[in-house]
PDB file of N, CA and C in Angstrom:
ATOM      1  N   MET A   1      47.505  91.440  53.912  1.00  0.00           N
ATOM      2  CA  MET A   1      48.761  92.060  52.613  1.00  0.00           C
ATOM      3  C   MET A   1      50.196  91.277  52.900  1.00  0.00           C
ATOM      4  N   LEU A   2      50.748  91.338  51.700  1.00  0.00           N
ATOM      5  CA  LEU A   2      52.132  90.599  51.871  1.00  0.00           C
ATOM      6  C   LEU A   2      53.336  91.914  51.950  1.00  0.00           C
ATOM      7  N   THR A   3      54.182  91.298  52.699  1.00  0.00           N
ATOM      8  CA  THR A   3      55.017  92.137  52.978  1.00  0.00           C
ATOM      9  C   THR A   3      56.560  91.818  52.377  1.00  0.00           C
ATOM     10  N   VAL A   4      56.860  92.725  51.157  1.00  0.00           N
ATOM     11  CA  VAL A   4      57.978  92.434  50.590  1.00  0.00           C
ATOM     12  C   VAL A   4      59.497  93.312  50.906  1.00  0.00           C
ATOM     13  N   LYS A   5      60.139  92.853  51.444  1.00  0.00           N
ATOM     14  CA  LYS A   5      61.463  93.754  51.592  1.00  0.00           C
ATOM     15  C   LYS A   5      63.057  93.339  50.493  1.00  0.00           C
ATOM     16  N   ILE A   6      63.238  94.227  50.051  1.00  0.00           N
ATOM     17  CA  ILE A   6      64.120  94.383  49.199  1.00  0.00           C
ATOM     18  C   ILE A   6      65.576  94.954  50.468  1.00  0.00           C
ATOM     19  N   LEU A   7      66.339  93.643  50.664  1.00  0.00           N
ATOM     20  CA  LEU A   7      67.173  94.419  51.532  1.00  0.00           C
ATOM     21  C   LEU A   7      68.766  94.617  50.996  1.00  0.00           C
ATOM     22  N   GLY A   8      69.349  95.783  50.987  1.00  0.00           N
ATOM     23  CA  GLY A   8      70.551  96.060  50.211  1.00  0.00           C
ATOM     24  C   GLY A   8      70.780  97.715  50.087  1.00  0.00           C
ATOM     25  N   SER A   9      71.865  98.141  49.631  1.00  0.00           N
ATOM     26  CA  SER A   9      72.323  99.301  49.295  1.00  0.00           C
ATOM     27  C   SER A   9      71.625 100.566  47.844  1.00  0.00           C
ATOM     28  N   GLY A  10      71.293  99.322  47.433  1.00  0.00           N
ATOM     29  CA  GLY A  10      70.230  99.945  46.195  1.00  0.00           C
ATOM     30  C   GLY A  10      71.441  99.825  44.774  1.00  0.00           C
ATOM     31  N   CYS A  11      71.575  99.125  45.027  1.00  0.00           N
ATOM     32  CA  CYS A  11      72.698  98.461  43.851  1.00  0.00           C
ATOM     33  C   CYS A  11      72.084  97.844  42.913  1.00  0.00           C
ATOM     34  N   ALA A  12      72.877  97.767  41.260  1.00  0.00           N
ATOM     35  CA  ALA A  12      71.934  97.110  40.369  1.00  0.00           C
ATOM     36  C   ALA A  12      71.049  95.984  41.106  1.00  0.00           C
ATOM     37  N   ASN A  13      72.004  94.944  41.551  1.00  0.00           N
ATOM     38  CA  ASN A  13      71.659  93.846  41.798  1.00  0.00           C
ATOM     39  C   ASN A  13      70.190  94.123  42.945  1.00  0.00           C
ATOM     40  N   CYS A  14      70.012  94.731  43.676  1.00  0.00           N
ATOM     41  CA  CYS A  14      69.150  95.257  44.553  1.00  0.00           C
ATOM     42  C   CYS A  14      67.886  95.562  43.737  1.00  0.00           C
ATOM     43  N   LYS A  15      68.284  96.903  42.561  1.00  0.00           N
ATOM     44  CA  LYS A  15      67.061  97.120  41.561  1.00  0.00           C
ATOM     45  C   LYS A  15      66.110  95.794  40.804  1.00  0.00           C
ATOM     46  N   LYS A  16      68.227  95.047  40.169  1.00  0.00           N
ATOM     47  CA  LYS A  16      67.267  93.823  40.052  1.00  0.00           C
ATOM     48  C   LYS A  16      66.113  93.027  40.871  1.00  0.00           C
ATOM     49  N   LEU A  17      66.629  92.760  41.805  1.00  0.00           N
ATOM     50  CA  LEU A  17      66.034  91.845  42.485  1.00  0.00           C
ATOM     51  C   LEU A  17      64.089  92.364  42.703  1.00  0.00           C
ATOM     52  N   GLU A  18      64.087  93.455  43.005  1.00  0.00           N
ATOM     53  CA  GLU A  18      62.986  94.164  43.512  1.00  0.00           C
ATOM     54  C   GLU A  18      61.892  93.729  42.378  1.00  0.00           C
ATOM     55  N   ALA A  19      63.068  94.245  41.236  1.00  0.00           N
ATOM     56  CA  ALA A  19      62.134  94.080  39.305  1.00  0.00           C
ATOM     57  C   ALA A  19      61.924  92.330  39.537  1.00  0.00           C
ATOM     58  N   VAL A  20      62.238  91.599  39.396  1.00  0.00           N
ATOM     59  CA  VAL A  20      62.131  90.230  40.441  1.00  0.00           C
ATOM     60  C   VAL A  20      60.664  89.662  41.105  1.00  0.00           C
ATOM     61  N   ALA A  21      61.049  90.571  41.590  1.00  0.00           N
ATOM     62  CA  ALA A  21      60.046  90.260  43.237  1.00  0.00           C
ATOM     63  C   ALA A  21      58.572  90.525  42.363  1.00  0.00           C
ATOM     64  N   ARG A  22      58.836  91.972  42.116  1.00  0.00           N
ATOM     65  CA  ARG A  22      57.294  92.917  41.430  1.00  0.00           C
ATOM     66  C   ARG A  22      56.909  91.579  40.278  1.00  0.00           C
ATOM     67  N   GLU A  23      57.478  91.246  39.742  1.00  0.00           N
ATOM     68  CA  GLU A  23      57.140  90.286  38.202  1.00  0.00           C
ATOM     69  C   GLU A  23      56.365  89.351  38.747  1.00  0.00           C
ATOM     70  N   ALA A  24      56.673  88.197  39.358  1.00  0.00           N
ATOM     71  CA  ALA A  24      56.434  87.420  40.533  1.00  0.00           C
ATOM     72  C   ALA A  24      55.117  87.578  41.066  1.00  0.00           C
ATOM     73  N   ALA A  25      55.172  88.875  41.832  1.00  0.00           N
ATOM     74  CA  ALA A  25      53.778  89.112  42.337  1.00  0.00           C
ATOM     75  C   ALA A  25      52.798  89.185  41.689  1.00  0.00           C
ATOM     76  N   SER A  26      53.140  90.098  40.652  1.00  0.00           N
ATOM     77  CA  SER A  26      52.235  90.604  39.732  1.00  0.00           C
ATOM     78  C   SER A  26      51.368  88.956  38.929  1.00  0.00           C
ATOM     79  N   GLN A  27      52.477  88.516  38.587  1.00  0.00           N
ATOM     80  CA  GLN A  27      51.691  87.640  37.559  1.00  0.00           C
ATOM     81  C   GLN A  27      50.853  86.429  38.434  1.00  0.00           C
ATOM     82  N   ALA A  28      51.640  86.498  40.133  1.00  0.00           N
ATOM     83  CA  ALA A  28      50.469  85.524  40.854  1.00  0.00           C
ATOM     84  C   ALA A  28      49.563  86.367  41.595  1.00  0.00           C
ATOM     85  N   GLY A  29      49.039  87.470  40.716  1.00  0.00           N
ATOM     86  CA  GLY A  29      47.948  88.301  41.139  1.00  0.00           C
ATOM     87  C   GLY A  29      48.218  88.459  42.901  1.00  0.00           C
ATOM     88  N   LEU A  30      49.077  88.648  43.143  1.00  0.00           N
ATOM     89  CA  LEU A  30      49.534  88.970  44.760  1.00  0.00           C
ATOM     90  C   LEU A  30      49.344  90.600  45.071  1.00  0.00           C
ATOM     91  N   GLU A  31      48.962  91.338  45.871  1.00  0.00           N
ATOM     92  CA  GLU A  31      48.943  92.091  45.885  1.00  0.00           C
ATOM     93  C   GLU A  31      50.091  92.678  47.377  1.00  0.00           C
ATOM     94  N   ALA A  32      50.899  92.961  46.803  1.00  0.00           N
ATOM     95  CA  ALA A  32      52.057  92.860  47.962  1.00  0.00           C
ATOM     96  C   ALA A  32      52.679  94.478  48.557  1.00  0.00           C
ATOM     97  N   ASP A  33      53.239  94.886  49.534  1.00  0.00           N
ATOM     98  CA  ASP A  33      54.183  96.597  49.791  1.00  0.00           C
ATOM     99  C   ASP A  33      55.032  95.764  50.004  1.00  0.00           C
ATOM    100  N   PHE A  34      55.800  96.902  48.779  1.00  0.00           N
ATOM    101  CA  PHE A  34      57.470  96.580  48.513  1.00  0.00           C
ATOM    102  C   PHE A  34      58.121  97.801  49.277  1.00  0.00           C
ATOM    103  N   ILE A  35      58.884  97.226  50.095  1.00  0.00           N
ATOM    104  CA  ILE A  35      59.743  97.944  50.966  1.00  0.00           C
ATOM    105  C   ILE A  35      61.343  98.034  50.598  1.00  0.00           C
ATOM    106  N   LYS A  36      62.249  99.134  50.542  1.00  0.00           N
ATOM    107  CA  LYS A  36      63.550  99.125  50.355  1.00  0.00           C
ATOM    108  C   LYS A  36      64.173  99.505  51.690  1.00  0.00           C
ATOM    109  N   VAL A  37      64.796  98.405  52.014  1.00  0.00           N
ATOM    110  CA  VAL A  37      65.616  98.683  53.317  1.00  0.00           C
ATOM    111  C   VAL A  37      67.419  98.970  53.082  1.00  0.00           C
ATOM    112  N   THR A  38      67.737 100.143  53.023  1.00  0.00           N
ATOM    113  CA  THR A  38      69.174 100.154  52.782  1.00  0.00           C
ATOM    114  C   THR A  38      70.124 100.527  54.115  1.00  0.00           C
ATOM    115  N   ASP A  39      69.485 100.745  55.046  1.00  0.00           N
ATOM    116  CA  ASP A  39      69.844 101.002  56.342  1.00  0.00           C
ATOM    117  C   ASP A  39      70.702  99.612  56.668  1.00  0.00           C
ATOM    118  N   MET A  40      71.896  99.758  56.840  1.00  0.00           N
ATOM    119  CA  MET A  40      72.617  98.768  57.189  1.00  0.00           C
ATOM    120  C   MET A  40      72.921  97.989  58.443  1.00  0.00           C
ATOM    121  N   GLN A  41      72.433  98.850  59.531  1.00  0.00           N
ATOM    122  CA  GLN A  41      71.758  97.928  60.744  1.00  0.00           C
ATOM    123  C   GLN A  41      70.520  97.346  60.724  1.00  0.00           C
ATOM    124  N   ALA A  42      69.629  98.046  60.061  1.00  0.00           N
ATOM    125  CA  ALA A  42      68.351  97.428  59.667  1.00  0.00           C
ATOM    126  C   ALA A  42      68.371  96.239  58.868  1.00  0.00           C
ATOM    127  N   ILE A  43      69.719  95.923  57.706  1.00  0.00           N
ATOM    128  CA  ILE A  43      69.587  95.051  57.114  1.00  0.00           C
ATOM    129  C   ILE A  43      70.715  93.599  58.224  1.00  0.00           C
ATOM    130  N   MET A  44      71.342  93.981  58.616  1.00  0.00           N
ATOM    131  CA  MET A  44      72.267  93.045  59.853  1.00  0.00           C
ATOM    132  C   MET A  44      71.140  92.735  60.659  1.00  0.00           C
ATOM    133  N   ALA A  45      69.888  93.312  61.099  1.00  0.00           N
ATOM    134  CA  ALA A  45      69.162  92.412  62.326  1.00  0.00           C
ATOM    135  C   ALA A  45      68.449  91.299  61.451  1.00  0.00           C
ATOM    136  N   TYR A  46      68.761  91.044  60.206  1.00  0.00           N
ATOM    137  CA  TYR A  46      67.879  90.152  59.498  1.00  0.00           C
ATOM    138  C   TYR A  46      68.745  88.702  59.116  1.00  0.00           C
ATOM    139  N   ASP A  47      70.377  88.791  59.750  1.00  0.00           N
ATOM    140  CA  ASP A  47      71.109  88.142  59.877  1.00  0.00           C
ATOM    141  C   ASP A  47      71.557  87.769  58.070  1.00  0.00           C
ATOM    142  N   LEU A  48      71.721  88.786  57.801  1.00  0.00           N
ATOM    143  CA  LEU A  48      71.926  88.355  55.788  1.00  0.00           C
ATOM    144  C   LEU A  48      73.648  88.500  55.905  1.00  0.00           C
ATOM    145  N   LEU A  49      73.610  87.668  55.212  1.00  0.00           N
ATOM    146  CA  LEU A  49      75.362  87.325  55.021  1.00  0.00           C
ATOM    147  C   LEU A  49      75.920  88.117  53.677  1.00  0.00           C
ATOM    148  N   SER A  50      75.144  88.484  52.476  1.00  0.00           N
ATOM    149  CA  SER A  50      74.945  89.061  51.922  1.00  0.00           C
ATOM    150  C   SER A  50      74.181  89.635  50.902  1.00  0.00           C
ATOM    151  N   THR A  51      74.365  90.849  50.465  1.00  0.00           N
ATOM    152  CA  THR A  51      73.211  91.460  49.837  1.00  0.00           C
ATOM    153  C   THR A  51      73.110  90.849  48.156  1.00  0.00           C
ATOM    154  N   PRO A  52      72.365  90.979  47.279  1.00  0.00           N
ATOM    155  CA  PRO A  52      70.817  91.052  47.869  1.00  0.00           C
ATOM    156  C   PRO A  52      70.002  90.558  48.664  1.00  0.00           C
ATOM    157  N   GLY A  53      69.137  90.500  49.832  1.00  0.00           N
ATOM    158  CA  GLY A  53      68.339  90.112  50.150  1.00  0.00           C
ATOM    159  C   GLY A  53      66.977  89.935  49.946  1.00  0.00           C
ATOM    160  N   LEU A  54      65.991  89.123  50.086  1.00  0.00           N
ATOM    161  CA  LEU A  54      64.508  89.044  49.872  1.00  0.00           C
ATOM    162  C   LEU A  54      63.606  88.590  50.952  1.00  0.00           C
ATOM    163  N   VAL A  55      63.069  89.753  51.386  1.00  0.00           N
ATOM    164  CA  VAL A  55      62.179  89.257  52.897  1.00  0.00           C
ATOM    165  C   VAL A  55      60.793  89.099  52.773  1.00  0.00           C
ATOM    166  N   LEU A  56      60.092  88.306  52.958  1.00  0.00           N
ATOM    167  CA  LEU A  56      58.682  88.368  52.315  1.00  0.00           C
ATOM    168  C   LEU A  56      57.890  87.634  53.990  1.00  0.00           C
ATOM    169  N   ASN A  57      57.143  89.213  54.490  1.00  0.00           N
ATOM    170  CA  ASN A  57      56.394  88.724  55.589  1.00  0.00           C
ATOM    171  C   ASN A  57      57.353  87.954  56.883  1.00  0.00           C
ATOM    172  N   GLU A  58      58.507  89.356  56.888  1.00  0.00           N
ATOM    173  CA  GLU A  58      59.313  89.347  58.009  1.00  0.00           C
ATOM    174  C   GLU A  58      60.308  87.690  57.820  1.00  0.00           C
ATOM    175  N   ARG A  59      60.455  86.993  56.802  1.00  0.00           N
ATOM    176  CA  ARG A  59      61.095  85.891  57.065  1.00  0.00           C
ATOM    177  C   ARG A  59      62.429  85.806  55.708  1.00  0.00           C
ATOM    178  N   LEU A  60      63.186  86.014  56.025  1.00  0.00           N
ATOM    179  CA  LEU A  60      64.492  86.198  54.773  1.00  0.00           C
ATOM    180  C   LEU A  60      64.582  84.660  53.667  1.00  0.00           C
ATOM    181  N   VAL A  61      64.562  84.780  52.933  1.00  0.00           N
ATOM    182  CA  VAL A  61      64.192  83.528  51.874  1.00  0.00           C
ATOM    183  C   VAL A  61      65.382  83.890  50.843  1.00  0.00           C
ATOM    184  N   SER A  62      66.046  84.621  50.592  1.00  0.00           N
ATOM    185  CA  SER A  62      67.550  84.566  49.562  1.00  0.00           C
ATOM    186  C   SER A  62      68.252  85.718  50.040  1.00  0.00           C
ATOM    187  N   SER A  63      69.512  85.713  49.607  1.00  0.00           N
ATOM    188  CA  SER A  63      70.532  86.649  49.851  1.00  0.00           C
ATOM    189  C   SER A  63      71.395  86.130  49.440  1.00  0.00           C
ATOM    190  N   GLY A  64      72.204  87.153  48.474  1.00  0.00           N
ATOM    191  CA  GLY A  64      73.326  87.405  47.491  1.00  0.00           C
ATOM    192  C   GLY A  64      73.379  86.765  46.542  1.00  0.00           C
ATOM    193  N   ARG A  65      72.103  86.979  46.186  1.00  0.00           N
ATOM    194  CA  ARG A  65      71.957  86.363  44.864  1.00  0.00           C
ATOM    195  C   ARG A  65      70.724  87.241  43.692  1.00  0.00           C
ATOM    196  N   ILE A  66      70.372  86.687  42.751  1.00  0.00           N
ATOM    197  CA  ILE A  66      69.124  87.265  42.243  1.00  0.00           C
ATOM    198  C   ILE A  66      68.216  85.840  41.856  1.00  0.00           C
ATOM    199  N   PRO A  67      67.178  85.561  42.638  1.00  0.00           N
ATOM    200  CA  PRO A  67      66.386  84.357  42.813  1.00  0.00           C
ATOM    201  C   PRO A  67      65.829  84.458  41.116  1.00  0.00           C
ATOM    202  N   THR A  68      65.029  83.436  40.811  1.00  0.00           N
ATOM    203  CA  THR A  68      64.231  83.715  39.395  1.00  0.00           C
ATOM    204  C   THR A  68      62.982  84.174  39.959  1.00  0.00           C
ATOM    205  N   VAL A  69      62.253  84.546  38.512  1.00  0.00           N
ATOM    206  CA  VAL A  69      60.699  84.579  38.881  1.00  0.00           C
ATOM    207  C   VAL A  69      59.897  83.749  39.661  1.00  0.00           C
ATOM    208  N   ALA A  70      60.104  82.576  38.814  1.00  0.00           N
ATOM    209  CA  ALA A  70      59.571  81.509  39.333  1.00  0.00           C
ATOM    210  C   ALA A  70      59.730  80.946  41.134  1.00  0.00           C
ATOM    211  N   GLU A  71      60.977  80.719  41.387  1.00  0.00           N
ATOM    212  CA  GLU A  71      61.348  80.898  42.988  1.00  0.00           C
ATOM    213  C   GLU A  71      60.530  81.640  43.445  1.00  0.00           C
ATOM    214  N   VAL A  72      60.503  82.573  43.381  1.00  0.00           N
ATOM    215  CA  VAL A  72      60.028  84.151  44.132  1.00  0.00           C
ATOM    216  C   VAL A  72      58.368  84.055  43.983  1.00  0.00           C
ATOM    217  N   GLN A  73      57.902  83.189  43.049  1.00  0.00           N
ATOM    218  CA  GLN A  73      56.261  82.483  43.042  1.00  0.00           C
ATOM    219  C   GLN A  73      56.084  81.878  43.779  1.00  0.00           C
ATOM    220  N   GLY A  74      56.741  80.718  43.885  1.00  0.00           N
ATOM    221  CA  GLY A  74      56.922  79.547  44.997  1.00  0.00           C
ATOM    222  C   GLY A  74      56.696  80.387  46.740  1.00  0.00           C
ATOM    223  N   TRP A  75      57.979  81.110  46.619  1.00  0.00           N
ATOM    224  CA  TRP A  75      58.058  81.735  48.188  1.00  0.00           C
ATOM    225  C   TRP A  75      57.196  82.598  48.351  1.00  0.00           C
ATOM    226  N   LEU A  76      56.349  82.882  47.313  1.00  0.00           N
ATOM    227  CA  LEU A  76      55.147  84.077  47.748  1.00  0.00           C
ATOM    228  C   LEU A  76      54.125  83.032  48.093  1.00  0.00           C
ATOM    229  N   ALA A  77      53.863  82.192  47.168  1.00  0.00           N
ATOM    230  CA  ALA A  77      52.923  80.777  47.613  1.00  0.00           C
ATOM    231  C   ALA A  77      52.893  80.055  49.008  1.00  0.00           C
ATOM    232  N   GLY A  78      54.015  80.088  49.399  1.00  0.00           N
ATOM    233  CA  GLY A  78      54.260  79.683  50.726  1.00  0.00           C
ATOM    234  C   GLY A  78      54.084  81.006  51.893  1.00  0.00           C
ATOM    235  N   ALA A  79      54.092  82.175  51.490  1.00  0.00           N
ATOM    236  CA  ALA A  79      53.990  83.280  52.262  1.00  0.00           C
ATOM    237  C   ALA A  79      52.590  83.426  52.885  1.00  0.00           C
TER     238      ALA A  79
END
């Protein structure tokens, strides 16, 4: 199963990123495990410069912005 992590404090952008990621996974017909990571120590382990961050199967694919559903679908396909 695909593991999707949303890195951030739980701000509005983090929630928006999670919504985009869920939408992309559902449109692609993929089952994914969504995990919110709010602990700063854990977030820093991903070498993240700014939140929100998106991690697919332990690989940081996006940080500091909200990607489009299409972008996330592309990353999901490659994950």
